[in-house]
N, C-alpha and C. Protein backbone atom coordinates (compact mmCIF):
# COMPACT_ATOMS: atom_id res chain seq x y z
N MET A 1 -24.17 -0.11 17.27
CA MET A 1 -24.19 0.59 16.00
C MET A 1 -22.86 1.31 15.80
N ALA A 2 -22.26 1.13 14.62
CA ALA A 2 -20.99 1.77 14.32
C ALA A 2 -21.21 3.24 13.98
N THR A 3 -20.22 4.03 14.32
CA THR A 3 -20.27 5.45 13.97
C THR A 3 -19.13 5.75 13.03
N ASN A 4 -19.22 6.84 12.31
CA ASN A 4 -18.16 7.24 11.41
C ASN A 4 -16.98 7.78 12.20
N ALA A 5 -15.79 7.27 11.88
CA ALA A 5 -14.58 7.75 12.53
C ALA A 5 -14.07 8.98 11.79
N VAL A 6 -13.40 9.83 12.50
CA VAL A 6 -12.76 11.00 11.89
C VAL A 6 -11.38 10.57 11.42
N ILE A 7 -11.09 10.73 10.14
CA ILE A 7 -9.79 10.35 9.61
C ILE A 7 -8.81 11.47 9.91
N PRO A 8 -7.69 11.14 10.58
CA PRO A 8 -6.71 12.18 10.89
C PRO A 8 -6.12 12.77 9.62
N SER A 9 -5.72 14.02 9.69
CA SER A 9 -5.18 14.69 8.51
C SER A 9 -3.77 14.21 8.18
N ASN A 10 -3.09 13.60 9.13
CA ASN A 10 -1.73 13.13 8.89
C ASN A 10 -1.57 11.74 9.51
N PRO A 11 -2.16 10.68 8.90
CA PRO A 11 -2.03 9.35 9.46
C PRO A 11 -0.57 8.91 9.47
N THR A 12 -0.19 8.08 10.41
CA THR A 12 1.19 7.63 10.52
C THR A 12 1.30 6.14 10.21
N PRO A 13 2.41 5.72 9.57
CA PRO A 13 2.60 4.30 9.30
C PRO A 13 2.55 3.50 10.59
N GLY A 14 1.90 2.35 10.54
CA GLY A 14 1.80 1.50 11.71
C GLY A 14 0.65 1.86 12.63
N GLY A 15 -0.02 2.98 12.37
CA GLY A 15 -1.16 3.37 13.19
C GLY A 15 -2.40 2.59 12.77
N HIS A 16 -3.51 2.90 13.39
CA HIS A 16 -4.76 2.23 13.05
C HIS A 16 -5.24 2.68 11.68
N ALA A 17 -5.76 1.74 10.91
CA ALA A 17 -6.29 2.05 9.58
C ALA A 17 -7.70 2.61 9.71
N PHE A 18 -8.01 3.62 8.91
CA PHE A 18 -9.33 4.23 8.88
C PHE A 18 -10.04 3.97 7.56
N LYS A 19 -9.27 3.50 6.56
CA LYS A 19 -9.84 3.28 5.23
C LYS A 19 -9.00 2.23 4.52
N ALA A 20 -9.64 1.40 3.71
CA ALA A 20 -8.93 0.42 2.89
C ALA A 20 -9.44 0.51 1.47
N PHE A 21 -8.55 0.26 0.51
CA PHE A 21 -8.94 0.28 -0.89
C PHE A 21 -8.11 -0.73 -1.66
N SER A 22 -8.73 -1.33 -2.66
CA SER A 22 -8.06 -2.30 -3.50
C SER A 22 -7.05 -1.59 -4.40
N ILE A 23 -5.90 -2.22 -4.58
CA ILE A 23 -4.86 -1.63 -5.44
C ILE A 23 -4.68 -2.51 -6.66
N THR A 24 -4.82 -1.89 -7.83
CA THR A 24 -4.48 -2.53 -9.09
C THR A 24 -3.12 -1.97 -9.51
N PRO A 25 -2.06 -2.80 -9.48
CA PRO A 25 -0.73 -2.29 -9.84
C PRO A 25 -0.74 -1.64 -11.21
N SER A 26 0.00 -0.53 -11.34
CA SER A 26 0.07 0.22 -12.59
C SER A 26 1.46 0.82 -12.75
N ASP A 27 2.00 0.73 -13.95
CA ASP A 27 3.31 1.33 -14.22
C ASP A 27 3.22 2.82 -14.50
N SER A 28 2.02 3.35 -14.68
CA SER A 28 1.89 4.75 -15.07
C SER A 28 1.10 5.63 -14.09
N THR A 29 0.32 5.02 -13.20
CA THR A 29 -0.57 5.82 -12.36
C THR A 29 -0.22 5.67 -10.88
N GLU A 30 -0.03 6.82 -10.21
CA GLU A 30 0.17 6.82 -8.77
C GLU A 30 -1.18 6.64 -8.08
N LEU A 31 -1.14 6.17 -6.84
CA LEU A 31 -2.36 6.00 -6.06
C LEU A 31 -2.99 7.35 -5.76
N ALA A 32 -4.28 7.39 -5.61
CA ALA A 32 -4.97 8.64 -5.26
C ALA A 32 -4.57 9.10 -3.86
N ASN A 33 -4.30 8.14 -2.97
CA ASN A 33 -3.85 8.45 -1.60
C ASN A 33 -2.66 7.57 -1.27
N ALA A 34 -1.62 8.16 -0.70
CA ALA A 34 -0.48 7.35 -0.24
C ALA A 34 -0.96 6.48 0.92
N THR A 35 -0.41 5.28 1.00
CA THR A 35 -0.82 4.35 2.05
C THR A 35 -0.01 4.58 3.33
N THR A 36 -0.53 4.06 4.43
CA THR A 36 0.26 3.95 5.65
C THR A 36 0.72 2.51 5.82
N SER A 37 0.01 1.58 5.17
CA SER A 37 0.36 0.16 5.18
C SER A 37 -0.27 -0.50 3.95
N LEU A 38 0.23 -1.69 3.64
CA LEU A 38 -0.37 -2.50 2.59
C LEU A 38 -0.81 -3.82 3.19
N TRP A 39 -1.91 -4.38 2.66
CA TRP A 39 -2.30 -5.74 2.97
C TRP A 39 -1.97 -6.57 1.74
N ILE A 40 -1.20 -7.64 1.94
CA ILE A 40 -0.79 -8.52 0.85
C ILE A 40 -1.57 -9.83 0.99
N GLY A 41 -2.32 -10.20 -0.05
CA GLY A 41 -3.13 -11.41 -0.01
C GLY A 41 -2.39 -12.66 -0.46
N VAL A 42 -1.46 -12.50 -1.42
CA VAL A 42 -0.68 -13.63 -1.94
C VAL A 42 0.77 -13.19 -2.03
N THR A 43 1.66 -13.98 -1.44
CA THR A 43 3.08 -13.66 -1.38
C THR A 43 3.71 -13.53 -2.76
N GLY A 44 4.83 -12.82 -2.82
CA GLY A 44 5.56 -12.64 -4.08
C GLY A 44 6.51 -11.46 -4.00
N THR A 45 6.75 -10.84 -5.15
CA THR A 45 7.57 -9.63 -5.20
C THR A 45 6.65 -8.42 -5.32
N LEU A 46 7.18 -7.29 -4.89
CA LEU A 46 6.38 -6.06 -4.87
C LEU A 46 7.28 -4.89 -5.27
N LYS A 47 6.98 -4.27 -6.40
CA LYS A 47 7.73 -3.09 -6.84
C LYS A 47 6.91 -1.87 -6.48
N VAL A 48 7.50 -0.97 -5.66
CA VAL A 48 6.76 0.18 -5.15
C VAL A 48 7.61 1.45 -5.22
N LEU A 49 6.90 2.56 -5.15
CA LEU A 49 7.52 3.87 -4.99
C LEU A 49 7.09 4.37 -3.62
N PHE A 50 8.06 4.44 -2.70
CA PHE A 50 7.75 4.89 -1.36
C PHE A 50 7.30 6.35 -1.38
N ASN A 51 6.39 6.69 -0.47
CA ASN A 51 5.93 8.06 -0.33
C ASN A 51 7.13 8.91 0.07
N GLY A 52 7.41 9.96 -0.67
CA GLY A 52 8.56 10.82 -0.37
C GLY A 52 9.83 10.40 -1.09
N ASP A 53 9.74 9.41 -1.98
CA ASP A 53 10.93 8.96 -2.71
C ASP A 53 10.69 9.14 -4.20
N THR A 54 11.76 9.04 -4.99
CA THR A 54 11.64 9.21 -6.44
C THR A 54 12.14 8.01 -7.22
N VAL A 55 12.67 7.01 -6.51
CA VAL A 55 13.21 5.81 -7.15
C VAL A 55 12.45 4.59 -6.64
N ALA A 56 11.93 3.80 -7.57
CA ALA A 56 11.18 2.60 -7.20
C ALA A 56 12.13 1.52 -6.70
N VAL A 57 11.62 0.68 -5.80
CA VAL A 57 12.38 -0.46 -5.29
C VAL A 57 11.52 -1.72 -5.42
N THR A 58 12.19 -2.86 -5.55
CA THR A 58 11.49 -4.14 -5.60
C THR A 58 11.80 -4.91 -4.33
N LEU A 59 10.74 -5.26 -3.62
CA LEU A 59 10.86 -6.05 -2.40
C LEU A 59 10.59 -7.50 -2.78
N THR A 60 11.42 -8.42 -2.31
CA THR A 60 11.26 -9.83 -2.65
C THR A 60 10.78 -10.62 -1.43
N ALA A 61 10.19 -11.75 -1.71
CA ALA A 61 9.68 -12.65 -0.66
C ALA A 61 8.76 -11.92 0.31
N VAL A 62 7.89 -11.07 -0.23
CA VAL A 62 6.94 -10.33 0.61
C VAL A 62 5.89 -11.32 1.14
N PRO A 63 5.75 -11.41 2.46
CA PRO A 63 4.81 -12.39 3.01
C PRO A 63 3.36 -11.91 2.95
N VAL A 64 2.45 -12.86 3.10
CA VAL A 64 1.03 -12.53 3.23
C VAL A 64 0.82 -11.80 4.55
N GLY A 65 -0.01 -10.76 4.52
CA GLY A 65 -0.34 -10.05 5.74
C GLY A 65 -0.07 -8.56 5.64
N LEU A 66 0.03 -7.94 6.78
CA LEU A 66 0.19 -6.49 6.87
C LEU A 66 1.65 -6.10 6.66
N LEU A 67 1.86 -5.16 5.75
CA LEU A 67 3.19 -4.66 5.44
C LEU A 67 3.19 -3.16 5.76
N PRO A 68 3.82 -2.75 6.86
CA PRO A 68 3.72 -1.36 7.30
C PRO A 68 4.64 -0.40 6.53
N ILE A 69 4.28 -0.15 5.27
CA ILE A 69 5.05 0.78 4.45
C ILE A 69 4.13 1.81 3.81
N SER A 70 4.64 3.02 3.67
CA SER A 70 3.89 4.10 3.06
C SER A 70 4.35 4.25 1.61
N VAL A 71 3.45 3.93 0.68
CA VAL A 71 3.79 4.00 -0.74
C VAL A 71 2.80 4.87 -1.50
N LYS A 72 3.27 5.40 -2.63
CA LYS A 72 2.39 6.20 -3.48
C LYS A 72 2.15 5.55 -4.84
N GLN A 73 2.87 4.42 -5.10
CA GLN A 73 2.63 3.69 -6.34
C GLN A 73 3.05 2.24 -6.17
N VAL A 74 2.24 1.35 -6.73
CA VAL A 74 2.57 -0.07 -6.83
C VAL A 74 2.63 -0.39 -8.31
N PHE A 75 3.77 -0.86 -8.78
CA PHE A 75 4.00 -1.08 -10.20
C PHE A 75 3.51 -2.46 -10.64
N ALA A 76 2.99 -2.53 -11.87
CA ALA A 76 2.56 -3.81 -12.44
C ALA A 76 3.79 -4.64 -12.81
N THR A 77 4.74 -4.02 -13.51
CA THR A 77 5.97 -4.71 -13.88
C THR A 77 6.83 -4.88 -12.64
N GLY A 78 7.16 -6.10 -12.32
CA GLY A 78 7.98 -6.37 -11.15
C GLY A 78 7.17 -6.76 -9.92
N THR A 79 5.85 -6.75 -10.02
CA THR A 79 5.00 -7.16 -8.90
C THR A 79 4.32 -8.48 -9.23
N THR A 80 4.52 -9.47 -8.34
CA THR A 80 3.81 -10.74 -8.49
C THR A 80 2.83 -10.97 -7.34
N CYS A 81 2.91 -10.16 -6.29
CA CYS A 81 1.93 -10.24 -5.20
C CYS A 81 0.55 -9.91 -5.76
N THR A 82 -0.47 -10.53 -5.20
CA THR A 82 -1.85 -10.21 -5.57
C THR A 82 -2.67 -10.01 -4.30
N GLY A 83 -3.90 -9.57 -4.49
CA GLY A 83 -4.76 -9.32 -3.35
C GLY A 83 -4.21 -8.17 -2.51
N ILE A 84 -3.79 -7.10 -3.19
CA ILE A 84 -3.14 -5.96 -2.52
C ILE A 84 -4.18 -4.91 -2.17
N PHE A 85 -4.16 -4.49 -0.92
CA PHE A 85 -5.03 -3.41 -0.44
C PHE A 85 -4.18 -2.35 0.20
N GLY A 86 -4.54 -1.09 -0.04
CA GLY A 86 -3.91 0.03 0.64
C GLY A 86 -4.70 0.40 1.87
N LEU A 87 -4.01 0.69 2.95
CA LEU A 87 -4.65 1.12 4.19
C LEU A 87 -4.18 2.53 4.51
N ILE A 88 -5.12 3.34 4.93
CA ILE A 88 -4.78 4.70 5.40
C ILE A 88 -5.54 4.97 6.68
């Protein structure tokens, strides 16, 4: 039987994930929680705002799988990746 894990107050990028949520890219709305990693379901480009930064960047040729980056926003414009999940 599984038990509820205690989510650390300061998760670190690359650490174990305690929660996952689907991300719908948006040009106007930041995520409710900054991620410690992203799961990419379909390869493409990814425009994000890193946690602690103020300028968005576009990552190209993002592969399918785990991407260990901490972001607070995934933009619709400039993102072609799909099946995006945030991990914390």
